[in-house]
Amino acid sequence: MPENPPSPTIAEAVAILRDGGLLAIPTETVYGLAADARNPEAIARIFALKGRPADHPLIVHIADADRLDDWAVTIPEAARKLAAAFWPGPLTLILKKRAEVADAVTGGQDTVGLRSPDHALTLALLKAFGGGLAAPSANRFGRISPTSAGHVRDEFGENAPPILDGGPCPVGIESTIVDLSQRPPRILREGHIRREQLLPFLPELQSGLAAASPRVSGSLDAHYAPRTQMRMLEREPLIEAATDDPRCVLLALDGLPPETQGLSLPAQPEAYAHGLYAALRELDARDATCILIEQPPSGPDWLAVNDRIKRALAGAGL
């Protein structure tokens, strides 16, 4: 088996991007498939490799809050306060875009999603590059997001772009998305940063898509999905189902039941989120008849995890 190619240096990565190429980058959430956000031809390469619908917007990654005005107009003061409080970090802000921001980035909308990723390697890249990077998750559209360089290689095989290897992603699920382009502000995608953390800055904050909400990444019903069929059950029915079909594999909470096969994740929301995609990828590779997921707890701390599982269930096996 050939050895994995070495991770490019920052200088090599900048050269790839300036030449219109693609690069897989680490963030604290998941690995992204990055291109120069000012280069429509490079952005088109993202859509082609992922098989992503052309009207599905991309998030632009920037070095810091000082770059907000390069991409957005009519920026509310709340956006600057949120950036000061949570950037770099897993929070994406939806704002009215500058006229020169490419429609390929925004899906033809008048809004743009912006965030500063909390990963030292990618922040160094952004500062050296000097611009913004359009970077959806580095996987084929609708499939499980990658949280390691190995996942990106597994996803794309010989078509994988150069990978800036920054190790495993510490958060493990995508950023919280907050729409500040209209009032009231809304959480359009749940993530590591929760509503109660945002309320001191946005007392009017609502949750969930409204009729006029812009399209954003990760909002489709089917997403983050394995190719193996999935079911979600409480623990006792889960054990019964595994007994009925021993070819099923389990994703259990706090310990695998006796005489079953699969994996277990901690019953703490942040630790569970960190391991979720890696676990789904491993179970999907086992050639099982189905993946049985033990239903996680409900409550605000588990909103993001339950959102990802719900969408994975809708897309599994397709």
Protein backbone atom coordinates (compact mmCIF):
# COMPACT_ATOMS: atom_id res chain seq x y z
CA MET A 1 0.00 0.00 0.00
CA PRO A 2 1.49 3.43 -0.93
CA GLU A 3 2.42 5.74 1.90
CA ASN A 4 0.26 8.77 2.59
CA PRO A 5 1.71 11.90 0.98
CA PRO A 6 3.26 14.35 3.43
CA SER A 7 1.24 17.29 4.68
CA PRO A 8 2.13 20.45 2.73
CA THR A 9 3.90 23.31 4.45
CA ILE A 10 2.01 26.56 4.95
CA ALA A 11 3.94 28.09 2.04
CA GLU A 12 3.08 25.13 -0.20
CA ALA A 13 -0.57 25.30 0.88
CA VAL A 14 -0.75 29.02 0.07
CA ALA A 15 0.73 28.33 -3.37
CA ILE A 16 -1.90 25.63 -4.05
CA LEU A 17 -4.71 28.02 -3.15
CA ARG A 18 -3.32 30.93 -5.13
CA ASP A 19 -3.01 28.65 -8.14
CA GLY A 20 -6.74 27.85 -7.92
CA GLY A 21 -6.31 24.42 -6.38
CA LEU A 22 -8.16 22.62 -3.61
CA LEU A 23 -6.79 21.85 -0.17
CA ALA A 24 -8.24 19.88 2.75
CA ILE A 25 -7.84 21.89 5.94
CA PRO A 26 -8.32 21.03 9.62
CA THR A 27 -10.65 23.01 11.83
CA GLU A 28 -11.89 22.47 15.35
CA THR A 29 -15.19 21.17 13.93
CA VAL A 30 -14.50 18.99 10.85
CA TYR A 31 -12.03 18.97 7.96
CA GLY A 32 -12.94 21.39 5.19
CA LEU A 33 -12.45 21.27 1.43
CA ALA A 34 -10.96 24.71 0.87
CA ALA A 35 -10.49 27.01 -2.13
CA ASP A 36 -9.89 30.70 -2.66
CA ALA A 37 -13.30 32.28 -2.02
CA ARG A 38 -12.53 35.00 -4.61
CA ASN A 39 -11.86 32.49 -7.40
CA PRO A 40 -15.05 31.17 -9.07
CA GLU A 41 -13.14 28.48 -10.99
CA ALA A 42 -11.60 27.16 -7.79
CA ILE A 43 -15.00 27.20 -6.08
CA ALA A 44 -16.45 25.22 -8.99
CA ARG A 45 -13.85 22.53 -8.26
CA ILE A 46 -15.25 22.17 -4.72
CA PHE A 47 -18.76 21.56 -6.07
CA ALA A 48 -17.50 19.09 -8.68
CA LEU A 49 -15.46 17.01 -6.24
CA LYS A 50 -18.17 16.94 -3.58
CA GLY A 51 -21.10 16.48 -5.98
CA ARG A 52 -22.72 19.43 -4.19
CA PRO A 53 -25.84 21.20 -5.59
CA ALA A 54 -24.91 24.57 -7.10
CA ASP A 55 -27.48 26.48 -5.04
CA HIS A 56 -26.06 25.21 -1.73
CA PRO A 57 -24.02 28.02 -0.12
CA LEU A 58 -20.51 27.71 1.29
CA ILE A 59 -19.08 29.15 4.50
CA VAL A 60 -16.16 31.53 4.07
CA HIS A 61 -13.38 31.08 6.63
CA ILE A 62 -11.49 34.22 7.61
CA ALA A 63 -8.53 34.90 9.89
CA ASP A 64 -10.30 37.18 12.37
CA ALA A 65 -13.08 39.69 12.93
CA ASP A 66 -11.06 42.44 11.25
CA ARG A 67 -11.90 40.73 7.93
CA LEU A 68 -15.69 40.95 8.38
CA ASP A 69 -15.97 44.13 6.33
CA ASP A 70 -14.14 42.48 3.42
CA TRP A 71 -17.14 40.20 2.90
CA ALA A 72 -20.23 41.74 4.52
CA VAL A 73 -22.17 45.02 4.62
CA THR A 74 -24.66 46.51 7.07
CA ILE A 75 -23.01 44.51 9.84
CA PRO A 76 -25.01 44.79 13.09
CA GLU A 77 -23.13 45.60 16.27
CA ALA A 78 -24.26 42.26 17.68
CA ALA A 79 -22.24 40.47 15.00
CA ARG A 80 -19.07 42.24 16.05
CA LYS A 81 -19.74 41.41 19.69
CA LEU A 82 -20.33 37.76 18.87
CA ALA A 83 -17.12 37.62 16.85
CA ALA A 84 -15.21 39.21 19.71
CA ALA A 85 -16.66 36.70 22.17
CA PHE A 86 -16.57 33.46 20.17
CA TRP A 87 -13.97 33.80 17.40
CA PRO A 88 -11.89 31.96 16.63
CA GLY A 89 -14.46 29.27 17.29
CA PRO A 90 -17.34 27.14 15.99
CA LEU A 91 -19.78 29.97 15.27
CA THR A 92 -20.85 31.00 11.74
CA LEU A 93 -22.53 34.37 11.22
CA ILE A 94 -24.91 34.93 8.29
CA LEU A 95 -24.70 38.55 7.11
CA LYS A 96 -25.61 40.62 4.07
CA LYS A 97 -22.85 40.12 1.51
CA ARG A 98 -20.76 42.67 -0.32
CA ALA A 99 -21.73 42.99 -3.98
CA GLU A 100 -18.44 41.51 -5.19
CA VAL A 101 -18.82 38.23 -3.24
CA ALA A 102 -19.35 35.52 -5.85
CA ASP A 103 -22.78 33.96 -6.28
CA ALA A 104 -21.01 30.59 -6.35
CA VAL A 105 -20.14 31.11 -2.67
CA THR A 106 -23.58 32.28 -1.58
CA GLY A 107 -25.73 29.99 -3.70
CA GLY A 108 -27.05 33.10 -5.47
CA GLN A 109 -28.33 34.62 -2.23
CA ASP A 110 -27.65 38.11 -0.88
CA THR A 111 -26.12 36.70 2.31
CA VAL A 112 -22.77 35.15 3.18
CA GLY A 113 -21.73 32.83 6.03
CA LEU A 114 -18.50 33.79 7.81
CA ARG A 115 -16.44 32.25 10.58
CA SER A 116 -12.92 32.18 11.99
CA PRO A 117 -11.87 28.57 12.75
CA ASP A 118 -10.21 27.74 16.05
CA HIS A 119 -7.31 25.71 14.70
CA ALA A 120 -3.75 27.03 14.89
CA LEU A 121 -2.65 25.46 11.60
CA THR A 122 -5.56 26.82 9.57
CA LEU A 123 -5.35 30.23 11.23
CA ALA A 124 -1.69 30.37 10.23
CA LEU A 125 -2.73 29.42 6.68
CA LEU A 126 -5.42 32.11 6.57
CA LYS A 127 -3.02 34.78 7.77
CA ALA A 128 -0.37 33.75 5.25
CA PHE A 129 -2.93 33.51 2.43
CA GLY A 130 -4.41 36.89 3.26
CA GLY A 131 -7.92 36.17 1.98
CA GLY A 132 -10.97 34.05 2.68
CA LEU A 133 -11.35 30.32 2.08
CA ALA A 134 -14.63 28.79 1.00
CA ALA A 135 -14.57 25.45 2.82
CA PRO A 136 -17.48 23.04 3.18
CA SER A 137 -16.81 19.69 4.83
CA ALA A 138 -14.29 17.54 2.94
CA ASN A 139 -16.63 14.70 2.02
CA ARG A 140 -19.01 13.78 -0.75
CA PHE A 141 -22.27 15.67 -0.48
CA GLY A 142 -24.66 14.26 2.13
CA ARG A 143 -22.17 11.79 3.59
CA ILE A 144 -20.44 11.63 6.97
CA SER A 145 -18.22 14.60 7.68
CA PRO A 146 -14.49 13.87 8.17
CA THR A 147 -12.77 14.55 11.47
CA SER A 148 -9.27 13.35 10.54
CA ALA A 149 -6.95 13.48 7.55
CA GLY A 150 -7.46 9.73 7.12
CA HIS A 151 -11.20 10.25 6.71
CA VAL A 152 -10.55 12.68 3.83
CA ARG A 153 -8.27 10.13 2.13
CA ASP A 154 -10.86 7.40 2.62
CA GLU A 155 -13.59 9.64 1.19
CA PHE A 156 -11.89 10.71 -2.02
CA GLY A 157 -9.22 8.05 -2.59
CA GLU A 158 -6.88 8.93 -5.45
CA ASN A 159 -8.94 12.11 -6.06
CA ALA A 160 -8.17 13.47 -2.59
CA PRO A 161 -6.62 16.95 -2.65
CA PRO A 162 -3.48 17.74 -0.65
CA ILE A 163 -4.33 17.56 3.05
CA LEU A 164 -3.03 19.95 5.65
CA ASP A 165 -2.91 17.38 8.46
CA GLY A 166 -3.78 18.97 11.78
CA GLY A 167 -4.72 15.81 13.65
CA PRO A 168 -8.21 14.88 14.89
CA CYS A 169 -10.79 17.65 15.13
CA PRO A 170 -11.45 18.42 18.82
CA VAL A 171 -15.15 19.43 18.51
CA GLY A 172 -16.20 16.94 15.86
CA ILE A 173 -19.46 18.45 14.57
CA GLU A 174 -20.11 21.49 12.42
CA SER A 175 -20.40 25.07 13.67
CA THR A 176 -23.48 26.74 15.07
CA ILE A 177 -25.00 28.99 12.38
CA VAL A 178 -26.72 32.23 13.43
CA ASP A 179 -28.60 34.37 10.91
CA LEU A 180 -28.10 38.08 11.57
CA SER A 181 -29.23 39.19 8.12
CA GLN A 182 -32.80 39.75 9.29
CA ARG A 183 -34.75 40.14 12.51
CA PRO A 184 -35.25 38.42 14.78
CA PRO A 185 -31.88 36.63 14.67
CA ARG A 186 -32.13 32.86 14.37
CA ILE A 187 -30.08 29.76 14.98
CA LEU A 188 -30.25 27.95 11.63
CA ARG A 189 -27.98 25.07 12.60
CA GLU A 190 -27.29 23.79 16.10
CA GLY A 191 -23.69 23.28 17.09
CA HIS A 192 -21.13 23.32 19.89
CA ILE A 193 -22.05 26.88 20.88
CA ARG A 194 -25.53 26.70 22.39
CA ARG A 195 -28.45 29.10 22.50
CA GLU A 196 -27.98 29.99 26.16
CA GLN A 197 -24.43 31.13 25.42
CA LEU A 198 -25.70 33.44 22.69
CA LEU A 199 -28.70 34.94 24.49
CA PRO A 200 -26.68 37.59 26.43
CA PHE A 201 -25.71 39.03 23.02
CA LEU A 202 -29.01 38.31 21.24
CA PRO A 203 -31.98 38.49 23.64
CA GLU A 204 -34.42 38.12 20.71
CA LEU A 205 -32.70 34.96 19.42
CA GLN A 206 -35.02 32.35 17.90
CA SER A 207 -34.26 28.76 16.90
CA GLY A 208 -35.10 26.95 13.70
CA LEU A 209 -35.65 27.91 10.08
CA ALA A 210 -38.29 30.50 9.20
CA ALA A 211 -40.00 30.87 5.83
CA ALA A 212 -37.65 33.71 4.84
CA SER A 213 -34.46 32.17 6.24
CA PRO A 214 -31.53 31.89 3.84
CA ARG A 215 -30.31 28.47 2.76
CA VAL A 216 -27.35 27.34 4.84
CA SER A 217 -25.02 24.36 5.01
CA GLY A 218 -26.33 21.30 6.81
CA SER A 219 -30.01 22.29 6.70
CA LEU A 220 -31.25 19.53 4.39
CA ASP A 221 -33.33 16.76 5.97
CA ALA A 222 -30.85 14.06 4.83
CA HIS A 223 -27.21 14.73 5.62
CA TYR A 224 -24.15 13.37 7.50
CA ALA A 225 -25.27 9.89 6.46
CA PRO A 226 -23.65 6.45 6.19
CA ARG A 227 -24.42 4.10 3.32
CA THR A 228 -25.59 1.44 5.78
CA GLN A 229 -29.22 1.54 6.92
CA MET A 230 -29.71 3.02 10.40
CA ARG A 231 -32.30 2.82 13.14
CA MET A 232 -32.47 4.63 16.48
CA LEU A 233 -33.92 2.84 19.54
CA GLU A 234 -33.99 3.05 23.30
CA ARG A 235 -31.57 0.65 25.01
CA GLU A 236 -33.84 -2.33 25.66
CA PRO A 237 -35.41 -2.41 22.17
CA LEU A 238 -31.89 -1.87 20.81
CA ILE A 239 -30.64 -5.00 22.56
CA GLU A 240 -33.67 -6.96 21.29
CA ALA A 241 -33.08 -5.81 17.72
CA ALA A 242 -29.39 -6.75 17.94
CA THR A 243 -30.37 -10.18 19.23
CA ASP A 244 -32.84 -10.66 16.38
CA ASP A 245 -30.23 -9.73 13.77
CA PRO A 246 -26.65 -10.34 14.92
CA ARG A 247 -25.39 -8.85 11.64
CA CYS A 248 -26.35 -5.41 12.95
CA VAL A 249 -23.77 -3.24 14.70
CA LEU A 250 -24.52 -0.90 17.58
CA LEU A 251 -23.60 2.64 18.51
CA ALA A 252 -24.32 2.51 22.22
CA LEU A 253 -24.15 4.94 25.13
CA ASP A 254 -21.72 4.36 27.99
CA GLY A 255 -20.88 0.74 27.22
CA LEU A 256 -21.72 -1.88 24.64
CA PRO A 257 -24.38 -4.35 25.83
CA PRO A 258 -23.10 -7.93 26.37
CA GLU A 259 -22.96 -10.20 23.34
CA THR A 260 -23.37 -7.36 20.86
CA GLN A 261 -20.92 -5.87 18.41
CA GLY A 262 -20.27 -2.24 17.63
CA LEU A 263 -18.98 0.82 19.44
CA SER A 264 -19.86 2.89 22.48
CA LEU A 265 -19.64 6.64 23.01
CA PRO A 266 -19.69 8.54 26.33
CA ALA A 267 -23.00 9.81 27.66
CA GLN A 268 -21.66 13.38 27.79
CA PRO A 269 -22.74 15.58 24.87
CA GLU A 270 -19.38 17.13 23.99
CA ALA A 271 -17.51 13.83 24.18
CA TYR A 272 -20.25 12.12 22.17
CA ALA A 273 -20.14 14.83 19.49
CA HIS A 274 -16.37 14.53 19.28
CA GLY A 275 -16.59 10.81 18.49
CA LEU A 276 -19.83 10.62 16.51
CA TYR A 277 -18.62 10.92 12.91
CA ALA A 278 -15.56 8.75 13.43
CA ALA A 279 -17.78 6.07 14.98
CA LEU A 280 -20.30 6.22 12.13
CA ARG A 281 -17.50 5.93 9.59
CA GLU A 282 -16.02 2.91 11.33
CA LEU A 283 -19.40 1.17 11.64
CA ASP A 284 -20.28 1.99 8.03
CA ALA A 285 -17.11 0.18 6.93
CA ARG A 286 -18.06 -3.08 8.68
CA ASP A 287 -20.44 -4.30 5.96
CA ALA A 288 -23.24 -4.81 8.48
CA THR A 289 -26.91 -5.09 7.60
CA CYS A 290 -27.76 -2.08 9.75
CA ILE A 291 -26.44 0.35 12.34
CA LEU A 292 -28.51 0.52 15.51
CA ILE A 293 -28.06 3.77 17.44
CA GLU A 294 -29.00 4.02 21.08
CA GLN A 295 -31.15 7.12 21.46
CA PRO A 296 -29.17 9.90 23.18
CA PRO A 297 -30.71 12.01 25.92
CA SER A 298 -32.88 14.99 25.02
CA GLY A 299 -32.40 18.51 26.35
CA PRO A 300 -30.52 21.61 25.20
CA ASP A 301 -27.03 20.13 25.68
CA TRP A 302 -27.86 17.37 23.20
CA LEU A 303 -29.61 19.45 20.51
CA ALA A 304 -26.66 19.45 18.09
CA VAL A 305 -25.98 15.72 18.46
CA ASN A 306 -29.64 14.83 17.98
CA ASP A 307 -29.84 17.12 14.95
CA ARG A 308 -26.93 15.29 13.27
CA ILE A 309 -28.35 11.87 14.08
CA LYS A 310 -31.81 12.83 12.78
CA ARG A 311 -30.35 13.93 9.45
CA ALA A 312 -28.07 10.89 9.26
CA LEU A 313 -31.11 8.63 9.78
CA ALA A 314 -32.94 10.39 6.95
CA GLY A 315 -30.05 9.87 4.52
CA ALA A 316 -28.76 6.47 5.61
CA GLY A 317 -28.70 3.76 2.99
CA LEU A 318 -29.46 6.16 0.13
